[in-house]
PDB file of all heavy atoms in Angstrom:
ATOM      1  N   THR A   1    -120.331 -34.597  53.908  1.00  0.00           N
ATOM      2  CA  THR A   1    -119.672 -33.309  54.012  1.00  0.00           C
ATOM      3  C   THR A   1    -120.220 -32.294  54.858  1.00  0.00           C
ATOM      4  O   THR A   1    -119.607 -31.291  55.204  1.00  0.00           O
ATOM      5  CB  THR A   1    -119.492 -32.696  52.565  1.00  0.00           C
ATOM      6  OG1 THR A   1    -120.848 -32.301  52.154  1.00  0.00           O
ATOM      7  CG2 THR A   1    -118.872 -33.669  51.586  1.00  0.00           C
ATOM      8  N   GLY A   2    -121.591 -32.488  55.196  1.00  0.00           N
ATOM      9  CA  GLY A   2    -122.151 -31.501  55.954  1.00  0.00           C
ATOM     10  C   GLY A   2    -122.632 -30.207  55.095  1.00  0.00           C
ATOM     11  O   GLY A   2    -123.265 -29.253  55.655  1.00  0.00           O
ATOM     12  N   GLN A   3    -122.392 -30.284  53.803  1.00  0.00           N
ATOM     13  CA  GLN A   3    -122.734 -29.160  52.925  1.00  0.00           C
ATOM     14  C   GLN A   3    -124.236 -29.305  52.654  1.00  0.00           C
ATOM     15  O   GLN A   3    -124.809 -30.364  52.532  1.00  0.00           O
ATOM     16  CB  GLN A   3    -121.853 -29.345  51.668  1.00  0.00           C
ATOM     17  CG  GLN A   3    -120.381 -28.934  51.941  1.00  0.00           C
ATOM     18  CD  GLN A   3    -120.135 -27.594  52.484  1.00  0.00           C
ATOM     19  OE1 GLN A   3    -120.578 -26.643  51.985  1.00  0.00           O
ATOM     20  NE2 GLN A   3    -119.381 -27.595  53.539  1.00  0.00           N
ATOM     21  N   PRO A   4    -124.791 -28.223  52.251  1.00  0.00           N
ATOM     22  CA  PRO A   4    -126.221 -28.234  51.953  1.00  0.00           C
ATOM     23  C   PRO A   4    -126.465 -28.869  50.541  1.00  0.00           C
ATOM     24  O   PRO A   4    -125.639 -28.670  49.642  1.00  0.00           O
ATOM     25  CB  PRO A   4    -126.664 -26.769  51.905  1.00  0.00           C
ATOM     26  CG  PRO A   4    -125.442 -25.972  51.686  1.00  0.00           C
ATOM     27  CD  PRO A   4    -124.298 -26.748  52.357  1.00  0.00           C
ATOM     28  N   ASP A   5    -127.538 -29.645  50.475  1.00  0.00           N
ATOM     29  CA  ASP A   5    -127.980 -30.214  49.108  1.00  0.00           C
ATOM     30  C   ASP A   5    -129.334 -29.524  48.907  1.00  0.00           C
ATOM     31  O   ASP A   5    -130.132 -29.340  49.731  1.00  0.00           O
ATOM     32  CB  ASP A   5    -128.222 -31.689  49.347  1.00  0.00           C
ATOM     33  CG  ASP A   5    -126.951 -32.507  49.299  1.00  0.00           C
ATOM     34  OD1 ASP A   5    -125.968 -32.092  48.740  1.00  0.00           O
ATOM     35  OD2 ASP A   5    -126.853 -33.535  49.985  1.00  0.00           O
ATOM     36  N   PHE A   6    -129.521 -29.251  47.622  1.00  0.00           N
ATOM     37  CA  PHE A   6    -130.806 -28.673  47.054  1.00  0.00           C
ATOM     38  C   PHE A   6    -131.388 -29.490  45.982  1.00  0.00           C
ATOM     39  O   PHE A   6    -130.692 -30.293  45.327  1.00  0.00           O
ATOM     40  CB  PHE A   6    -130.425 -27.326  46.510  1.00  0.00           C
ATOM     41  CG  PHE A   6    -129.681 -26.433  47.500  1.00  0.00           C
ATOM     42  CD1 PHE A   6    -128.319 -26.260  47.361  1.00  0.00           C
ATOM     43  CD2 PHE A   6    -130.323 -25.574  48.354  1.00  0.00           C
ATOM     44  CE1 PHE A   6    -127.679 -25.430  48.343  1.00  0.00           C
ATOM     45  CE2 PHE A   6    -129.776 -24.761  49.327  1.00  0.00           C
ATOM     46  CZ  PHE A   6    -128.341 -24.674  49.361  1.00  0.00           C
ATOM     47  N   GLY A   7    -132.687 -29.395  45.950  1.00  0.00           N
ATOM     48  CA  GLY A   7    -133.290 -30.118  44.834  1.00  0.00           C
ATOM     49  C   GLY A   7    -134.843 -29.825  44.732  1.00  0.00           C
ATOM     50  O   GLY A   7    -135.331 -28.961  45.571  1.00  0.00           O
ATOM     51  N   THR A   8    -135.469 -30.476  43.741  1.00  0.00           N
ATOM     52  CA  THR A   8    -136.971 -30.347  43.527  1.00  0.00           C
ATOM     53  C   THR A   8    -137.499 -31.725  43.831  1.00  0.00           C
ATOM     54  O   THR A   8    -137.028 -32.727  43.220  1.00  0.00           O
ATOM     55  CB  THR A   8    -137.230 -29.841  42.186  1.00  0.00           C
ATOM     56  OG1 THR A   8    -136.698 -28.461  42.012  1.00  0.00           O
ATOM     57  CG2 THR A   8    -138.719 -29.727  41.934  1.00  0.00           C
ATOM     58  N   ILE A   9    -138.583 -31.780  44.629  1.00  0.00           N
ATOM     59  CA  ILE A   9    -139.287 -32.981  44.986  1.00  0.00           C
ATOM     60  C   ILE A   9    -140.581 -32.845  44.175  1.00  0.00           C
ATOM     61  O   ILE A   9    -141.312 -31.996  44.235  1.00  0.00           O
ATOM     62  CB  ILE A   9    -139.472 -33.296  46.425  1.00  0.00           C
ATOM     63  CG1 ILE A   9    -138.158 -33.167  47.222  1.00  0.00           C
ATOM     64  CG2 ILE A   9    -140.300 -34.615  46.722  1.00  0.00           C
ATOM     65  CD1 ILE A   9    -137.139 -34.411  46.936  1.00  0.00           C
ATOM     66  N   ARG A  10    -140.866 -33.927  43.413  1.00  0.00           N
ATOM     67  CA  ARG A  10    -142.154 -34.024  42.756  1.00  0.00           C
ATOM     68  C   ARG A  10    -143.012 -35.233  43.284  1.00  0.00           C
ATOM     69  O   ARG A  10    -142.319 -36.322  43.399  1.00  0.00           O
ATOM     70  CB  ARG A  10    -141.980 -34.133  41.283  1.00  0.00           C
ATOM     71  CG  ARG A  10    -141.456 -32.843  40.648  1.00  0.00           C
ATOM     72  CD  ARG A  10    -141.272 -32.896  39.141  1.00  0.00           C
ATOM     73  NE  ARG A  10    -140.699 -31.629  38.697  1.00  0.00           N
ATOM     74  CZ  ARG A  10    -139.505 -31.350  38.650  1.00  0.00           C
ATOM     75  NH1 ARG A  10    -138.522 -32.135  38.985  1.00  0.00           N
ATOM     76  NH2 ARG A  10    -139.089 -30.132  38.150  1.00  0.00           N
ATOM     77  N   ILE A  11    -144.166 -35.001  43.638  1.00  0.00           N
ATOM     78  CA  ILE A  11    -145.051 -35.990  44.152  1.00  0.00           C
ATOM     79  C   ILE A  11    -146.301 -36.163  43.162  1.00  0.00           C
ATOM     80  O   ILE A  11    -146.891 -35.173  42.985  1.00  0.00           O
ATOM     81  CB  ILE A  11    -145.575 -35.617  45.614  1.00  0.00           C
ATOM     82  CG1 ILE A  11    -144.335 -35.471  46.533  1.00  0.00           C
ATOM     83  CG2 ILE A  11    -146.542 -36.717  46.148  1.00  0.00           C
ATOM     84  CD1 ILE A  11    -144.728 -34.626  47.721  1.00  0.00           C
ATOM     85  N   SER A  12    -146.564 -37.361  42.789  1.00  0.00           N
ATOM     86  CA  SER A  12    -147.758 -37.659  42.037  1.00  0.00           C
ATOM     87  C   SER A  12    -148.455 -38.768  42.623  1.00  0.00           C
ATOM     88  O   SER A  12    -147.871 -39.820  43.039  1.00  0.00           O
ATOM     89  CB  SER A  12    -147.447 -37.945  40.497  1.00  0.00           C
ATOM     90  OG  SER A  12    -146.789 -36.953  39.821  1.00  0.00           O
ATOM     91  N   TYR A  13    -149.774 -38.559  42.779  1.00  0.00           N
ATOM     92  CA  TYR A  13    -150.542 -39.733  43.432  1.00  0.00           C
ATOM     93  C   TYR A  13    -152.016 -39.723  43.074  1.00  0.00           C
ATOM     94  O   TYR A  13    -152.578 -38.604  42.722  1.00  0.00           O
ATOM     95  CB  TYR A  13    -150.394 -39.724  45.005  1.00  0.00           C
ATOM     96  CG  TYR A  13    -151.016 -38.595  45.752  1.00  0.00           C
ATOM     97  CD1 TYR A  13    -152.173 -38.927  46.446  1.00  0.00           C
ATOM     98  CD2 TYR A  13    -150.538 -37.364  45.772  1.00  0.00           C
ATOM     99  CE1 TYR A  13    -152.832 -37.893  47.200  1.00  0.00           C
ATOM    100  CE2 TYR A  13    -151.244 -36.377  46.551  1.00  0.00           C
ATOM    101  CZ  TYR A  13    -152.402 -36.656  47.199  1.00  0.00           C
ATOM    102  OH  TYR A  13    -152.931 -35.697  47.955  1.00  0.00           O
ATOM    103  N   ALA A  14    -152.610 -40.859  43.291  1.00  0.00           N
ATOM    104  CA  ALA A  14    -154.080 -40.934  43.026  1.00  0.00           C
ATOM    105  C   ALA A  14    -154.635 -41.160  44.479  1.00  0.00           C
ATOM    106  O   ALA A  14    -154.403 -42.306  45.044  1.00  0.00           O
ATOM    107  CB  ALA A  14    -154.390 -42.097  42.145  1.00  0.00           C
ATOM    108  N   PRO A  15    -155.298 -40.239  45.070  1.00  0.00           N
ATOM    109  CA  PRO A  15    -155.862 -40.433  46.366  1.00  0.00           C
ATOM    110  C   PRO A  15    -156.909 -41.542  46.437  1.00  0.00           C
ATOM    111  O   PRO A  15    -157.555 -41.725  45.468  1.00  0.00           O
ATOM    112  CB  PRO A  15    -156.373 -39.048  46.706  1.00  0.00           C
ATOM    113  CG  PRO A  15    -156.795 -38.441  45.393  1.00  0.00           C
ATOM    114  CD  PRO A  15    -155.786 -39.002  44.483  1.00  0.00           C
ATOM    115  N   ALA A  16    -156.947 -42.244  47.592  1.00  0.00           N
ATOM    116  CA  ALA A  16    -158.008 -42.996  47.885  1.00  0.00           C
ATOM    117  C   ALA A  16    -159.118 -42.374  48.735  1.00  0.00           C
ATOM    118  O   ALA A  16    -159.994 -41.682  48.213  1.00  0.00           O
ATOM    119  CB  ALA A  16    -157.646 -44.404  48.454  1.00  0.00           C
ATOM    120  N   LYS A  17    -159.066 -42.516  50.078  1.00  0.00           N
ATOM    121  CA  LYS A  17    -159.952 -41.846  51.007  1.00  0.00           C
ATOM    122  C   LYS A  17    -159.496 -40.510  51.477  1.00  0.00           C
ATOM    123  O   LYS A  17    -160.280 -39.678  51.927  1.00  0.00           O
ATOM    124  CB  LYS A  17    -160.168 -42.777  52.157  1.00  0.00           C
ATOM    125  CG  LYS A  17    -160.912 -44.060  51.807  1.00  0.00           C
ATOM    126  CD  LYS A  17    -161.110 -44.913  53.099  1.00  0.00           C
ATOM    127  CE  LYS A  17    -161.896 -46.127  52.629  1.00  0.00           C
ATOM    128  NZ  LYS A  17    -162.173 -46.954  53.838  1.00  0.00           N
ATOM    129  N   ALA A  18    -158.146 -40.212  51.291  1.00  0.00           N
ATOM    130  CA  ALA A  18    -157.617 -38.963  51.915  1.00  0.00           C
ATOM    131  C   ALA A  18    -156.585 -38.297  50.876  1.00  0.00           C
ATOM    132  O   ALA A  18    -155.927 -38.973  50.188  1.00  0.00           O
ATOM    133  CB  ALA A  18    -157.009 -39.237  53.243  1.00  0.00           C
ATOM    134  N   CYS A  19    -156.589 -36.975  50.981  1.00  0.00           N
ATOM    135  CA  CYS A  19    -155.618 -36.137  50.254  1.00  0.00           C
ATOM    136  C   CYS A  19    -154.599 -35.533  51.160  1.00  0.00           C
ATOM    137  O   CYS A  19    -154.909 -35.257  52.391  1.00  0.00           O
ATOM    138  CB  CYS A  19    -156.329 -35.009  49.487  1.00  0.00           C
ATOM    139  SG  CYS A  19    -157.493 -35.679  48.282  1.00  0.00           S
ATOM    140  N   LEU A  20    -153.390 -35.271  50.689  1.00  0.00           N
ATOM    141  CA  LEU A  20    -152.425 -34.624  51.614  1.00  0.00           C
ATOM    142  C   LEU A  20    -152.747 -33.070  51.764  1.00  0.00           C
ATOM    143  O   LEU A  20    -153.147 -32.419  50.846  1.00  0.00           O
ATOM    144  CB  LEU A  20    -151.091 -34.778  50.890  1.00  0.00           C
ATOM    145  CG  LEU A  20    -150.473 -36.073  50.789  1.00  0.00           C
ATOM    146  CD1 LEU A  20    -149.158 -36.113  49.934  1.00  0.00           C
ATOM    147  CD2 LEU A  20    -150.305 -36.743  52.173  1.00  0.00           C
ATOM    148  N   GLU A  21    -152.647 -32.633  52.947  1.00  0.00           N
ATOM    149  CA  GLU A  21    -152.843 -31.260  53.216  1.00  0.00           C
ATOM    150  C   GLU A  21    -151.633 -30.420  53.085  1.00  0.00           C
ATOM    151  O   GLU A  21    -150.492 -30.874  53.571  1.00  0.00           O
ATOM    152  CB  GLU A  21    -153.391 -31.160  54.633  1.00  0.00           C
ATOM    153  CG  GLU A  21    -153.954 -29.753  55.075  1.00  0.00           C
ATOM    154  CD  GLU A  21    -152.975 -28.644  55.410  1.00  0.00           C
ATOM    155  OE1 GLU A  21    -151.980 -29.047  56.092  1.00  0.00           O
ATOM    156  OE2 GLU A  21    -153.165 -27.545  54.941  1.00  0.00           O
ATOM    157  N   LEU A  22    -151.629 -29.462  52.197  1.00  0.00           N
ATOM    158  CA  LEU A  22    -150.407 -28.806  51.848  1.00  0.00           C
ATOM    159  C   LEU A  22    -149.593 -28.043  52.798  1.00  0.00           C
ATOM    160  O   LEU A  22    -148.351 -28.021  52.822  1.00  0.00           O
ATOM    161  CB  LEU A  22    -150.616 -27.905  50.617  1.00  0.00           C
ATOM    162  CG  LEU A  22    -151.132 -28.634  49.369  1.00  0.00           C
ATOM    163  CD1 LEU A  22    -151.393 -27.637  48.206  1.00  0.00           C
ATOM    164  CD2 LEU A  22    -150.212 -29.720  48.895  1.00  0.00           C
ATOM    165  N   LYS A  23    -150.205 -27.340  53.758  1.00  0.00           N
ATOM    166  CA  LYS A  23    -149.467 -26.650  54.812  1.00  0.00           C
ATOM    167  C   LYS A  23    -148.675 -27.689  55.669  1.00  0.00           C
ATOM    168  O   LYS A  23    -147.537 -27.425  55.918  1.00  0.00           O
ATOM    169  CB  LYS A  23    -150.369 -25.800  55.688  1.00  0.00           C
ATOM    170  CG  LYS A  23    -149.580 -25.050  56.761  1.00  0.00           C
ATOM    171  CD  LYS A  23    -150.460 -24.185  57.617  1.00  0.00           C
ATOM    172  CE  LYS A  23    -149.591 -23.486  58.620  1.00  0.00           C
ATOM    173  NZ  LYS A  23    -150.422 -22.669  59.626  1.00  0.00           N
ATOM    174  N   SER A  24    -149.376 -28.688  55.992  1.00  0.00           N
ATOM    175  CA  SER A  24    -148.665 -29.829  56.755  1.00  0.00           C
ATOM    176  C   SER A  24    -147.477 -30.331  56.008  1.00  0.00           C
ATOM    177  O   SER A  24    -146.431 -30.676  56.522  1.00  0.00           O
ATOM    178  CB  SER A  24    -149.616 -30.831  57.101  1.00  0.00           C
ATOM    179  OG  SER A  24    -149.095 -31.940  57.823  1.00  0.00           O
ATOM    180  N   LEU A  25    -147.638 -30.583  54.681  1.00  0.00           N
ATOM    181  CA  LEU A  25    -146.634 -31.032  53.826  1.00  0.00           C
ATOM    182  C   LEU A  25    -145.360 -30.096  53.741  1.00  0.00           C
ATOM    183  O   LEU A  25    -144.237 -30.521  53.899  1.00  0.00           O
ATOM    184  CB  LEU A  25    -147.174 -31.339  52.330  1.00  0.00           C
ATOM    185  CG  LEU A  25    -146.192 -31.909  51.419  1.00  0.00           C
ATOM    186  CD1 LEU A  25    -145.795 -33.304  51.875  1.00  0.00           C
ATOM    187  CD2 LEU A  25    -146.794 -31.964  49.939  1.00  0.00           C
ATOM    188  N   LYS A  26    -145.708 -28.837  53.704  1.00  0.00           N
ATOM    189  CA  LYS A  26    -144.641 -27.814  53.688  1.00  0.00           C
ATOM    190  C   LYS A  26    -143.801 -27.886  55.067  1.00  0.00           C
ATOM    191  O   LYS A  26    -142.590 -27.933  55.041  1.00  0.00           O
ATOM    192  CB  LYS A  26    -145.204 -26.452  53.541  1.00  0.00           C
ATOM    193  CG  LYS A  26    -144.173 -25.360  53.721  1.00  0.00           C
ATOM    194  CD  LYS A  26    -144.784 -24.010  53.509  1.00  0.00           C
ATOM    195  CE  LYS A  26    -145.333 -23.545  54.875  1.00  0.00           C
ATOM    196  NZ  LYS A  26    -145.684 -22.083  54.954  1.00  0.00           N
ATOM    197  N   LEU A  27    -144.564 -27.979  56.129  1.00  0.00           N
ATOM    198  CA  LEU A  27    -143.825 -28.201  57.487  1.00  0.00           C
ATOM    199  C   LEU A  27    -143.062 -29.454  57.589  1.00  0.00           C
ATOM    200  O   LEU A  27    -141.962 -29.502  58.148  1.00  0.00           O
ATOM    201  CB  LEU A  27    -144.841 -28.105  58.596  1.00  0.00           C
ATOM    202  CG  LEU A  27    -145.597 -26.713  58.662  1.00  0.00           C
ATOM    203  CD1 LEU A  27    -146.648 -26.736  59.703  1.00  0.00           C
ATOM    204  CD2 LEU A  27    -144.577 -25.641  58.963  1.00  0.00           C
ATOM    205  N   TYR A  28    -143.593 -30.508  56.974  1.00  0.00           N
ATOM    206  CA  TYR A  28    -142.817 -31.758  56.904  1.00  0.00           C
ATOM    207  C   TYR A  28    -141.573 -31.649  56.199  1.00  0.00           C
ATOM    208  O   TYR A  28    -140.523 -32.039  56.700  1.00  0.00           O
ATOM    209  CB  TYR A  28    -143.782 -32.813  56.168  1.00  0.00           C
ATOM    210  CG  TYR A  28    -143.042 -34.098  55.780  1.00  0.00           C
ATOM    211  CD1 TYR A  28    -142.866 -35.122  56.714  1.00  0.00           C
ATOM    212  CD2 TYR A  28    -142.477 -34.272  54.465  1.00  0.00           C
ATOM    213  CE1 TYR A  28    -142.179 -36.243  56.331  1.00  0.00           C
ATOM    214  CE2 TYR A  28    -141.830 -35.415  54.156  1.00  0.00           C
ATOM    215  CZ  TYR A  28    -141.723 -36.376  55.102  1.00  0.00           C
ATOM    216  OH  TYR A  28    -141.028 -37.564  54.686  1.00  0.00           O
ATOM    217  N   PHE A  29    -141.581 -30.940  55.057  1.00  0.00           N
ATOM    218  CA  PHE A  29    -140.369 -30.823  54.331  1.00  0.00           C
ATOM    219  C   PHE A  29    -139.274 -29.831  55.083  1.00  0.00           C
ATOM    220  O   PHE A  29    -138.103 -29.979  54.892  1.00  0.00           O
ATOM    221  CB  PHE A  29    -140.544 -30.217  52.964  1.00  0.00           C
ATOM    222  CG  PHE A  29    -140.864 -31.317  51.995  1.00  0.00           C
ATOM    223  CD1 PHE A  29    -142.222 -31.556  51.571  1.00  0.00           C
ATOM    224  CD2 PHE A  29    -139.975 -32.269  51.571  1.00  0.00           C
ATOM    225  CE1 PHE A  29    -142.478 -32.592  50.663  1.00  0.00           C
ATOM    226  CE2 PHE A  29    -140.236 -33.269  50.756  1.00  0.00           C
ATOM    227  CZ  PHE A  29    -141.534 -33.501  50.300  1.00  0.00           C
ATOM    228  N   HIS A  30    -139.762 -28.969  55.842  1.00  0.00           N
ATOM    229  CA  HIS A  30    -138.912 -28.104  56.661  1.00  0.00           C
ATOM    230  C   HIS A  30    -138.025 -28.986  57.565  1.00  0.00           C
ATOM    231  O   HIS A  30    -136.899 -28.633  57.937  1.00  0.00           O
ATOM    232  CB  HIS A  30    -139.717 -27.069  57.442  1.00  0.00           C
ATOM    233  CG  HIS A  30    -140.192 -25.988  56.618  1.00  0.00           C
ATOM    234  ND1 HIS A  30    -140.667 -24.821  57.244  1.00  0.00           N
ATOM    235  CD2 HIS A  30    -140.249 -25.765  55.327  1.00  0.00           C
ATOM    236  CE1 HIS A  30    -140.934 -23.898  56.287  1.00  0.00           C
ATOM    237  NE2 HIS A  30    -140.818 -24.575  55.112  1.00  0.00           N
ATOM    238  N   GLY A  31    -138.594 -30.122  58.027  1.00  0.00           N
ATOM    239  CA  GLY A  31    -137.854 -31.006  58.963  1.00  0.00           C
ATOM    240  C   GLY A  31    -136.539 -31.653  58.320  1.00  0.00           C
ATOM    241  O   GLY A  31    -135.742 -32.172  58.921  1.00  0.00           O
ATOM    242  N   TYR A  32    -136.539 -31.466  56.982  1.00  0.00           N
ATOM    243  CA  TYR A  32    -135.283 -32.055  56.345  1.00  0.00           C
ATOM    244  C   TYR A  32    -134.105 -31.074  56.236  1.00  0.00           C
ATOM    245  O   TYR A  32    -132.990 -31.470  56.051  1.00  0.00           O
ATOM    246  CB  TYR A  32    -135.576 -32.405  54.854  1.00  0.00           C
ATOM    247  CG  TYR A  32    -136.211 -33.804  54.696  1.00  0.00           C
ATOM    248  CD1 TYR A  32    -137.528 -34.044  54.800  1.00  0.00           C
ATOM    249  CD2 TYR A  32    -135.310 -34.865  54.482  1.00  0.00           C
ATOM    250  CE1 TYR A  32    -138.020 -35.332  54.686  1.00  0.00           C
ATOM    251  CE2 TYR A  32    -135.785 -36.197  54.404  1.00  0.00           C
ATOM    252  CZ  TYR A  32    -137.131 -36.481  54.518  1.00  0.00           C
ATOM    253  OH  TYR A  32    -137.615 -37.653  54.351  1.00  0.00           O
ATOM    254  N   ARG A  33    -134.337 -29.795  56.538  1.00  0.00           N
ATOM    255  CA  ARG A  33    -133.358 -28.814  56.303  1.00  0.00           C
ATOM    256  C   ARG A  33    -132.064 -29.053  57.073  1.00  0.00           C
ATOM    257  O   ARG A  33    -130.988 -28.668  56.507  1.00  0.00           O
ATOM    258  CB  ARG A  33    -133.998 -27.324  56.761  1.00  0.00           C
ATOM    259  CG  ARG A  33    -134.958 -26.988  55.777  1.00  0.00           C
ATOM    260  CD  ARG A  33    -135.351 -25.526  56.055  1.00  0.00           C
ATOM    261  NE  ARG A  33    -136.176 -24.994  54.987  1.00  0.00           N
ATOM    262  CZ  ARG A  33    -136.828 -23.967  55.052  1.00  0.00           C
ATOM    263  NH1 ARG A  33    -136.681 -23.031  56.030  1.00  0.00           N
ATOM    264  NH2 ARG A  33    -137.578 -23.558  54.012  1.00  0.00           N
ATOM    265  N   ASN A  34    -132.069 -29.514  58.270  1.00  0.00           N
ATOM    266  CA  ASN A  34    -130.895 -29.712  59.086  1.00  0.00           C
ATOM    267  C   ASN A  34    -130.524 -31.130  59.201  1.00  0.00           C
ATOM    268  O   ASN A  34    -129.770 -31.501  60.164  1.00  0.00           O
ATOM    269  CB  ASN A  34    -131.065 -29.027  60.448  1.00  0.00           C
ATOM    270  CG  ASN A  34    -131.137 -27.481  60.265  1.00  0.00           C
ATOM    271  OD1 ASN A  34    -130.423 -26.960  59.489  1.00  0.00           O
ATOM    272  ND2 ASN A  34    -132.125 -26.867  60.856  1.00  0.00           N
ATOM    273  N   ARG A  35    -131.076 -31.984  58.507  1.00  0.00           N
ATOM    274  CA  ARG A  35    -130.877 -33.402  58.542  1.00  0.00           C
ATOM    275  C   ARG A  35    -129.799 -33.870  57.480  1.00  0.00           C
ATOM    276  O   ARG A  35    -129.743 -33.457  56.346  1.00  0.00           O
ATOM    277  CB  ARG A  35    -132.085 -34.227  58.182  1.00  0.00           C
ATOM    278  CG  ARG A  35    -133.161 -34.152  59.193  1.00  0.00           C
ATOM    279  CD  ARG A  35    -134.291 -35.127  59.057  1.00  0.00           C
ATOM    280  NE  ARG A  35    -133.847 -36.518  58.960  1.00  0.00           N
ATOM    281  CZ  ARG A  35    -134.312 -37.381  58.131  1.00  0.00           C
ATOM    282  NH1 ARG A  35    -135.276 -37.014  57.380  1.00  0.00           N
ATOM    283  NH2 ARG A  35    -133.795 -38.590  58.075  1.00  0.00           N
ATOM    284  N   GLY A  36    -128.978 -34.739  58.019  1.00  0.00           N
ATOM    285  CA  GLY A  36    -127.926 -35.319  57.057  1.00  0.00           C
ATOM    286  C   GLY A  36    -128.574 -36.611  56.493  1.00  0.00           C
ATOM    287  O   GLY A  36    -128.862 -37.507  57.183  1.00  0.00           O
ATOM    288  N   VAL A  37    -128.830 -36.547  55.131  1.00  0.00           N
ATOM    289  CA  VAL A  37    -129.588 -37.688  54.488  1.00  0.00           C
ATOM    290  C   VAL A  37    -129.119 -37.750  53.074  1.00  0.00           C
ATOM    291  O   VAL A  37    -128.969 -36.791  52.300  1.00  0.00           O
ATOM    292  CB  VAL A  37    -131.054 -37.497  54.652  1.00  0.00           C
ATOM    293  CG1 VAL A  37    -131.535 -36.298  53.901  1.00  0.00           C
ATOM    294  CG2 VAL A  37    -131.762 -38.726  53.980  1.00  0.00           C
ATOM    295  N   PHE A  38    -128.740 -39.031  52.584  1.00  0.00           N
ATOM    296  CA  PHE A  38    -128.452 -39.212  51.148  1.00  0.00           C
ATOM    297  C   PHE A  38    -129.751 -39.136  50.391  1.00  0.00           C
ATOM    298  O   PHE A  38    -130.782 -39.328  50.815  1.00  0.00           O
ATOM    299  CB  PHE A  38    -127.840 -40.707  50.966  1.00  0.00           C
ATOM    300  CG  PHE A  38    -126.488 -40.815  51.548  1.00  0.00           C
ATOM    301  CD1 PHE A  38    -126.213 -41.497  52.697  1.00  0.00           C
ATOM    302  CD2 PHE A  38    -125.441 -40.189  50.855  1.00  0.00           C
ATOM    303  CE1 PHE A  38    -124.941 -41.721  53.210  1.00  0.00           C
ATOM    304  CE2 PHE A  38    -124.097 -40.399  51.405  1.00  0.00           C
ATOM    305  CZ  PHE A  38    -123.861 -41.085  52.586  1.00  0.00           C
ATOM    306  N   TYR A  39    -129.572 -38.735  49.121  1.00  0.00           N
ATOM    307  CA  TYR A  39    -130.675 -38.622  48.277  1.00  0.00           C
ATOM    308  C   TYR A  39    -131.630 -39.770  48.166  1.00  0.00           C
ATOM    309  O   TYR A  39    -132.804 -39.633  48.265  1.00  0.00           O
ATOM    310  CB  TYR A  39    -130.280 -38.335  46.760  1.00  0.00           C
ATOM    311  CG  TYR A  39    -129.329 -37.167  46.427  1.00  0.00           C
ATOM    312  CD1 TYR A  39    -128.389 -37.195  45.499  1.00  0.00           C
ATOM    313  CD2 TYR A  39    -129.381 -36.076  47.208  1.00  0.00           C
ATOM    314  CE1 TYR A  39    -127.578 -36.217  45.131  1.00  0.00           C
ATOM    315  CE2 TYR A  39    -128.571 -34.899  46.950  1.00  0.00           C
ATOM    316  CZ  TYR A  39    -127.671 -35.033  45.860  1.00  0.00           C
ATOM    317  OH  TYR A  39    -126.831 -34.030  45.631  1.00  0.00           O
ATOM    318  N   GLU A  40    -131.058 -40.960  48.070  1.00  0.00           N
ATOM    319  CA  GLU A  40    -131.857 -42.239  47.904  1.00  0.00           C
ATOM    320  C   GLU A  40    -132.697 -42.427  49.154  1.00  0.00           C
ATOM    321  O   GLU A  40    -133.851 -42.785  49.143  1.00  0.00           O
ATOM    322  CB  GLU A  40    -130.870 -43.364  47.643  1.00  0.00           C
ATOM    323  CG  GLU A  40    -130.131 -43.294  46.374  1.00  0.00           C
ATOM    324  CD  GLU A  40    -128.946 -42.451  46.427  1.00  0.00           C
ATOM    325  OE1 GLU A  40    -128.588 -41.850  47.520  1.00  0.00           O
ATOM    326  OE2 GLU A  40    -128.221 -42.325  45.423  1.00  0.00           O
ATOM    327  N   ALA A  41    -132.098 -42.182  50.342  1.00  0.00           N
ATOM    328  CA  ALA A  41    -132.839 -42.426  51.589  1.00  0.00           C
ATOM    329  C   ALA A  41    -133.825 -41.339  51.701  1.00  0.00           C
ATOM    330  O   ALA A  41    -134.957 -41.609  52.213  1.00  0.00           O
ATOM    331  CB  ALA A  41    -131.854 -42.296  52.817  1.00  0.00           C
ATOM    332  N   ALA A  42    -133.626 -40.124  51.324  1.00  0.00           N
ATOM    333  CA  ALA A  42    -134.618 -39.044  51.377  1.00  0.00           C
ATOM    334  C   ALA A  42    -135.864 -39.383  50.560  1.00  0.00           C
ATOM    335  O   ALA A  42    -136.953 -39.349  51.120  1.00  0.00           O
ATOM    336  CB  ALA A  42    -134.067 -37.732  50.995  1.00  0.00           C
ATOM    337  N   VAL A  43    -135.645 -39.723  49.278  1.00  0.00           N
ATOM    338  CA  VAL A  43    -136.837 -40.019  48.390  1.00  0.00           C
ATOM    339  C   VAL A  43    -137.604 -41.217  48.897  1.00  0.00           C
ATOM    340  O   VAL A  43    -138.832 -41.106  48.978  1.00  0.00           O
ATOM    341  CB  VAL A  43    -136.307 -40.224  46.972  1.00  0.00           C
ATOM    342  CG1 VAL A  43    -137.444 -40.697  46.090  1.00  0.00           C
ATOM    343  CG2 VAL A  43    -135.809 -38.869  46.427  1.00  0.00           C
ATOM    344  N   ASN A  44    -136.922 -42.291  49.285  1.00  0.00           N
ATOM    345  CA  ASN A  44    -137.566 -43.449  49.664  1.00  0.00           C
ATOM    346  C   ASN A  44    -138.291 -43.180  51.096  1.00  0.00           C
ATOM    347  O   ASN A  44    -139.442 -43.664  51.271  1.00  0.00           O
ATOM    348  CB  ASN A  44    -136.735 -44.642  49.806  1.00  0.00           C
ATOM    349  CG  ASN A  44    -136.483 -45.293  48.511  1.00  0.00           C
ATOM    350  OD1 ASN A  44    -137.404 -45.932  47.959  1.00  0.00           O
ATOM    351  ND2 ASN A  44    -135.398 -44.982  47.952  1.00  0.00           N
ATOM    352  N   GLY A  45    -137.667 -42.410  52.095  1.00  0.00           N
ATOM    353  CA  GLY A  45    -138.327 -42.051  53.206  1.00  0.00           C
ATOM    354  C   GLY A  45    -139.546 -41.213  53.016  1.00  0.00           C
ATOM    355  O   GLY A  45    -140.578 -41.305  53.680  1.00  0.00           O
TER     356      GLY A  45
END
């Protein structure tokens, strides 16, 4: 439909050698704002 979808993403993990850097993660999620993507593809991607 091209309509906006909204949601909450929750991430749980046990780090091995590296941890995710939060500012970079925030910018990563900004990349989804104008993308057409089904829920299932988004979560798995």
